[in-house]
Amino acid sequence: MGTVLVTSDGQPFAWQAKDISCECATTTEVMSKTEGMISEINKMKITLLAIKKTSNSIS
């Protein structure tokens, strides 16, 4: 799980990329982690425009 922040001129920056597969088994747990990251982004006064979730899990 991680965040890619994109500047107004299109430059991407990876932020807090880490493997959470051993920590999160349910959607609720993933949402909790996501909400924590959103809170940190808000504290830094960064405008969040979109969230894209991808899954690499095996079904």
PDB file of N, CA and C in Angstrom:
ATOM      1  N   MET A   1       0.855  -1.158   0.000  1.00  0.00           N
ATOM      2  CA  MET A   1       0.000   0.000   0.000  1.00  0.00           C
ATOM      3  C   MET A   1       0.898   1.218   0.000  1.00  0.00           C
ATOM      4  N   GLY A   2       0.508   2.209  -0.735  1.00  0.00           N
ATOM      5  CA  GLY A   2       1.297   3.426  -0.784  1.00  0.00           C
ATOM      6  C   GLY A   2       0.513   4.518  -1.456  1.00  0.00           C
ATOM      7  N   THR A   3       1.143   5.651  -1.535  1.00  0.00           N
ATOM      8  CA  THR A   3       0.502   6.804  -2.141  1.00  0.00           C
ATOM      9  C   THR A   3       1.452   7.384  -3.171  1.00  0.00           C
ATOM     10  N   VAL A   4       0.912   7.737  -4.311  1.00  0.00           N
ATOM     11  CA  VAL A   4       1.678   8.476  -5.304  1.00  0.00           C
ATOM     12  C   VAL A   4       1.079   9.874  -5.355  1.00  0.00           C
ATOM     13  N   LEU A   5       1.877  10.841  -4.959  1.00  0.00           N
ATOM     14  CA  LEU A   5       1.444  12.229  -5.007  1.00  0.00           C
ATOM     15  C   LEU A   5       1.914  12.806  -6.336  1.00  0.00           C
ATOM     16  N   VAL A   6       1.051  13.516  -7.036  1.00  0.00           N
ATOM     17  CA  VAL A   6       1.395  14.104  -8.327  1.00  0.00           C
ATOM     18  C   VAL A   6       1.289  15.620  -8.209  1.00  0.00           C
ATOM     19  N   THR A   7       2.356  16.301  -8.571  1.00  0.00           N
ATOM     20  CA  THR A   7       2.366  17.760  -8.499  1.00  0.00           C
ATOM     21  C   THR A   7       1.540  18.345  -9.634  1.00  0.00           C
ATOM     22  N   SER A   8       1.267  19.636  -9.547  1.00  0.00           N
ATOM     23  CA  SER A   8       0.459  20.290 -10.575  1.00  0.00           C
ATOM     24  C   SER A   8       1.120  20.251 -11.948  1.00  0.00           C
ATOM     25  N   ASP A   9       2.440  20.063 -11.987  1.00  0.00           N
ATOM     26  CA  ASP A   9       3.107  19.958 -13.286  1.00  0.00           C
ATOM     27  C   ASP A   9       3.326  18.505 -13.714  1.00  0.00           C
ATOM     28  N   GLY A  10       2.701  17.558 -13.003  1.00  0.00           N
ATOM     29  CA  GLY A  10       2.704  16.154 -13.415  1.00  0.00           C
ATOM     30  C   GLY A  10       3.828  15.296 -12.870  1.00  0.00           C
ATOM     31  N   GLN A  11       4.635  15.809 -11.960  1.00  0.00           N
ATOM     32  CA  GLN A  11       5.735  15.033 -11.385  1.00  0.00           C
ATOM     33  C   GLN A  11       5.199  14.090 -10.295  1.00  0.00           C
ATOM     34  N   PRO A  12       5.432  12.769 -10.425  1.00  0.00           N
ATOM     35  CA  PRO A  12       4.961  11.831  -9.398  1.00  0.00           C
ATOM     36  C   PRO A  12       5.998  11.631  -8.287  1.00  0.00           C
ATOM     37  N   PHE A  13       5.495  11.451  -7.070  1.00  0.00           N
ATOM     38  CA  PHE A  13       6.342  11.149  -5.924  1.00  0.00           C
ATOM     39  C   PHE A  13       5.690  10.014  -5.139  1.00  0.00           C
ATOM     40  N   ALA A  14       6.421   8.899  -4.942  1.00  0.00           N
ATOM     41  CA  ALA A  14       5.905   7.797  -4.122  1.00  0.00           C
ATOM     42  C   ALA A  14       6.066   8.194  -2.656  1.00  0.00           C
ATOM     43  N   TRP A  15       5.051   7.879  -1.840  1.00  0.00           N
ATOM     44  CA  TRP A  15       5.066   8.230  -0.427  1.00  0.00           C
ATOM     45  C   TRP A  15       4.506   7.072   0.372  1.00  0.00           C
ATOM     46  N   GLN A  16       5.202   6.623   1.351  1.00  0.00           N
ATOM     47  CA  GLN A  16       4.781   5.574   2.280  1.00  0.00           C
ATOM     48  C   GLN A  16       4.407   4.269   1.593  1.00  0.00           C
ATOM     49  N   ALA A  17       5.165   3.838   0.612  1.00  0.00           N
ATOM     50  CA  ALA A  17       4.892   2.553  -0.022  1.00  0.00           C
ATOM     51  C   ALA A  17       5.382   1.439   0.893  1.00  0.00           C
ATOM     52  N   LYS A  18       4.492   0.508   1.233  1.00  0.00           N
ATOM     53  CA  LYS A  18       4.883  -0.626   2.071  1.00  0.00           C
ATOM     54  C   LYS A  18       3.912  -1.773   1.875  1.00  0.00           C
ATOM     55  N   ASP A  19       4.387  -2.974   2.167  1.00  0.00           N
ATOM     56  CA  ASP A  19       3.578  -4.179   2.046  1.00  0.00           C
ATOM     57  C   ASP A  19       2.738  -4.334   3.312  1.00  0.00           C
ATOM     58  N   ILE A  20       1.410  -4.319   3.160  1.00  0.00           N
ATOM     59  CA  ILE A  20       0.528  -4.479   4.329  1.00  0.00           C
ATOM     60  C   ILE A  20      -0.222  -5.810   4.283  1.00  0.00           C
ATOM     61  N   SER A  21       0.199  -6.708   3.389  1.00  0.00           N
ATOM     62  CA  SER A  21      -0.533  -7.963   3.226  1.00  0.00           C
ATOM     63  C   SER A  21      -0.563  -8.800   4.504  1.00  0.00           C
ATOM     64  N   CYS A  22       0.480  -8.702   5.323  1.00  0.00           N
ATOM     65  CA  CYS A  22       0.487  -9.480   6.567  1.00  0.00           C
ATOM     66  C   CYS A  22      -0.322  -8.794   7.668  1.00  0.00           C
ATOM     67  N   GLU A  23      -0.682  -7.513   7.477  1.00  0.00           N
ATOM     68  CA  GLU A  23      -1.421  -6.757   8.474  1.00  0.00           C
ATOM     69  C   GLU A  23      -2.921  -6.708   8.206  1.00  0.00           C
ATOM     70  N   CYS A  24      -3.302  -6.825   6.947  1.00  0.00           N
ATOM     71  CA  CYS A  24      -4.699  -6.606   6.566  1.00  0.00           C
ATOM     72  C   CYS A  24      -5.249  -7.795   5.795  1.00  0.00           C
ATOM     73  N   ALA A  25      -6.318  -8.359   6.318  1.00  0.00           N
ATOM     74  CA  ALA A  25      -6.941  -9.491   5.649  1.00  0.00           C
ATOM     75  C   ALA A  25      -8.339  -9.159   5.141  1.00  0.00           C
ATOM     76  N   THR A  26      -8.920  -8.084   5.645  1.00  0.00           N
ATOM     77  CA  THR A  26     -10.286  -7.749   5.266  1.00  0.00           C
ATOM     78  C   THR A  26     -10.362  -6.333   4.690  1.00  0.00           C
ATOM     79  N   THR A  27     -11.442  -6.074   3.986  1.00  0.00           N
ATOM     80  CA  THR A  27     -11.669  -4.744   3.427  1.00  0.00           C
ATOM     81  C   THR A  27     -11.708  -3.699   4.533  1.00  0.00           C
ATOM     82  N   THR A  28     -12.294  -4.025   5.666  1.00  0.00           N
ATOM     83  CA  THR A  28     -12.382  -3.095   6.789  1.00  0.00           C
ATOM     84  C   THR A  28     -10.987  -2.704   7.273  1.00  0.00           C
ATOM     85  N   GLU A  29     -10.084  -3.658   7.356  1.00  0.00           N
ATOM     86  CA  GLU A  29      -8.715  -3.368   7.792  1.00  0.00           C
ATOM     87  C   GLU A  29      -7.984  -2.481   6.779  1.00  0.00           C
ATOM     88  N   VAL A  30      -8.186  -2.755   5.493  1.00  0.00           N
ATOM     89  CA  VAL A  30      -7.562  -1.944   4.444  1.00  0.00           C
ATOM     90  C   VAL A  30      -8.128  -0.523   4.478  1.00  0.00           C
ATOM     91  N   MET A  31      -9.429  -0.394   4.668  1.00  0.00           N
ATOM     92  CA  MET A  31     -10.058   0.929   4.750  1.00  0.00           C
ATOM     93  C   MET A  31      -9.495   1.718   5.934  1.00  0.00           C
ATOM     94  N   SER A  32      -9.265   1.053   7.036  1.00  0.00           N
ATOM     95  CA  SER A  32      -8.705   1.723   8.208  1.00  0.00           C
ATOM     96  C   SER A  32      -7.313   2.273   7.890  1.00  0.00           C
ATOM     97  N   LYS A  33      -6.486   1.482   7.231  1.00  0.00           N
ATOM     98  CA  LYS A  33      -5.150   1.941   6.828  1.00  0.00           C
ATOM     99  C   LYS A  33      -5.263   3.112   5.851  1.00  0.00           C
ATOM    100  N   THR A  34      -6.196   3.015   4.908  1.00  0.00           N
ATOM    101  CA  THR A  34      -6.393   4.066   3.915  1.00  0.00           C
ATOM    102  C   THR A  34      -6.818   5.364   4.594  1.00  0.00           C
ATOM    103  N   GLU A  35      -7.738   5.277   5.530  1.00  0.00           N
ATOM    104  CA  GLU A  35      -8.198   6.456   6.260  1.00  0.00           C
ATOM    105  C   GLU A  35      -7.054   7.102   7.041  1.00  0.00           C
ATOM    106  N   GLY A  36      -6.162   6.285   7.581  1.00  0.00           N
ATOM    107  CA  GLY A  36      -4.996   6.810   8.291  1.00  0.00           C
ATOM    108  C   GLY A  36      -4.081   7.594   7.356  1.00  0.00           C
ATOM    109  N   MET A  37      -3.870   7.064   6.156  1.00  0.00           N
ATOM    110  CA  MET A  37      -3.027   7.764   5.181  1.00  0.00           C
ATOM    111  C   MET A  37      -3.683   9.075   4.743  1.00  0.00           C
ATOM    112  N   ILE A  38      -5.002   9.053   4.553  1.00  0.00           N
ATOM    113  CA  ILE A  38      -5.732  10.275   4.167  1.00  0.00           C
ATOM    114  C   ILE A  38      -5.586  11.320   5.267  1.00  0.00           C
ATOM    115  N   SER A  39      -5.689  10.903   6.498  1.00  0.00           N
ATOM    116  CA  SER A  39      -5.552  11.823   7.627  1.00  0.00           C
ATOM    117  C   SER A  39      -4.168  12.471   7.628  1.00  0.00           C
ATOM    118  N   GLU A  40      -3.125  11.676   7.375  1.00  0.00           N
ATOM    119  CA  GLU A  40      -1.771  12.219   7.339  1.00  0.00           C
ATOM    120  C   GLU A  40      -1.611  13.215   6.187  1.00  0.00           C
ATOM    121  N   ILE A  41      -2.178  12.895   5.027  1.00  0.00           N
ATOM    122  CA  ILE A  41      -2.119  13.798   3.874  1.00  0.00           C
ATOM    123  C   ILE A  41      -2.822  15.112   4.209  1.00  0.00           C
ATOM    124  N   ASN A  42      -3.982  15.033   4.853  1.00  0.00           N
ATOM    125  CA  ASN A  42      -4.725  16.241   5.239  1.00  0.00           C
ATOM    126  C   ASN A  42      -3.933  17.100   6.225  1.00  0.00           C
ATOM    127  N   LYS A  43      -3.232  16.463   7.164  1.00  0.00           N
ATOM    128  CA  LYS A  43      -2.429  17.204   8.144  1.00  0.00           C
ATOM    129  C   LYS A  43      -1.313  17.989   7.459  1.00  0.00           C
ATOM    130  N   MET A  44      -0.831  17.482   6.317  1.00  0.00           N
ATOM    131  CA  MET A  44       0.232  18.171   5.576  1.00  0.00           C
ATOM    132  C   MET A  44      -0.322  19.239   4.642  1.00  0.00           C
ATOM    133  N   LYS A  45      -1.654  19.438   4.695  1.00  0.00           N
ATOM    134  CA  LYS A  45      -2.320  20.458   3.870  1.00  0.00           C
ATOM    135  C   LYS A  45      -2.148  20.191   2.373  1.00  0.00           C
ATOM    136  N   ILE A  46      -2.173  18.902   1.996  1.00  0.00           N
ATOM    137  CA  ILE A  46      -2.111  18.511   0.594  1.00  0.00           C
ATOM    138  C   ILE A  46      -3.527  18.222   0.133  1.00  0.00           C
ATOM    139  N   THR A  47      -3.921  18.803  -0.987  1.00  0.00           N
ATOM    140  CA  THR A  47      -5.257  18.579  -1.522  1.00  0.00           C
ATOM    141  C   THR A  47      -5.322  17.207  -2.171  1.00  0.00           C
ATOM    142  N   LEU A  48      -6.226  16.374  -1.704  1.00  0.00           N
ATOM    143  CA  LEU A  48      -6.416  15.030  -2.242  1.00  0.00           C
ATOM    144  C   LEU A  48      -7.545  15.081  -3.269  1.00  0.00           C
ATOM    145  N   LEU A  49      -7.226  14.710  -4.500  1.00  0.00           N
ATOM    146  CA  LEU A  49      -8.220  14.776  -5.569  1.00  0.00           C
ATOM    147  C   LEU A  49      -8.828  13.423  -5.909  1.00  0.00           C
ATOM    148  N   ALA A  50      -8.093  12.334  -5.700  1.00  0.00           N
ATOM    149  CA  ALA A  50      -8.617  11.016  -6.077  1.00  0.00           C
ATOM    150  C   ALA A  50      -7.894   9.928  -5.305  1.00  0.00           C
ATOM    151  N   ILE A  51      -8.584   8.805  -5.169  1.00  0.00           N
ATOM    152  CA  ILE A  51      -7.996   7.597  -4.585  1.00  0.00           C
ATOM    153  C   ILE A  51      -8.241   6.463  -5.563  1.00  0.00           C
ATOM    154  N   LYS A  52      -7.185   5.723  -5.890  1.00  0.00           N
ATOM    155  CA  LYS A  52      -7.318   4.562  -6.761  1.00  0.00           C
ATOM    156  C   LYS A  52      -6.806   3.359  -6.006  1.00  0.00           C
ATOM    157  N   LYS A  53      -7.642   2.368  -5.882  1.00  0.00           N
ATOM    158  CA  LYS A  53      -7.272   1.151  -5.169  1.00  0.00           C
ATOM    159  C   LYS A  53      -7.004   0.046  -6.187  1.00  0.00           C
ATOM    160  N   THR A  54      -5.909  -0.640  -5.980  1.00  0.00           N
ATOM    161  CA  THR A  54      -5.620  -1.821  -6.795  1.00  0.00           C
ATOM    162  C   THR A  54      -5.432  -2.998  -5.854  1.00  0.00           C
ATOM    163  N   SER A  55      -5.660  -4.183  -6.367  1.00  0.00           N
ATOM    164  CA  SER A  55      -5.511  -5.377  -5.544  1.00  0.00           C
ATOM    165  C   SER A  55      -4.652  -6.380  -6.291  1.00  0.00           C
ATOM    166  N   ASN A  56      -3.671  -6.899  -5.570  1.00  0.00           N
ATOM    167  CA  ASN A  56      -2.816  -7.946  -6.114  1.00  0.00           C
ATOM    168  C   ASN A  56      -3.113  -9.285  -5.446  1.00  0.00           C
ATOM    169  N   SER A  57      -4.208  -9.362  -4.743  1.00  0.00           N
ATOM    170  CA  SER A  57      -4.536 -10.587  -4.012  1.00  0.00           C
ATOM    171  C   SER A  57      -4.963 -11.688  -4.969  1.00  0.00           C
ATOM    172  N   ILE A  58      -4.739 -12.897  -4.542  1.00  0.00           N
ATOM    173  CA  ILE A  58      -5.122 -14.074  -5.314  1.00  0.00           C
ATOM    174  C   ILE A  58      -6.461 -14.556  -4.797  1.00  0.00           C
ATOM    175  N   SER A  59      -7.437 -14.723  -5.680  1.00  0.00           N
ATOM    176  CA  SER A  59      -8.757 -15.182  -5.238  1.00  0.00           C
ATOM    177  C   SER A  59      -8.898 -16.668  -5.418  1.00  0.00           C
TER     178      SER A  59
END
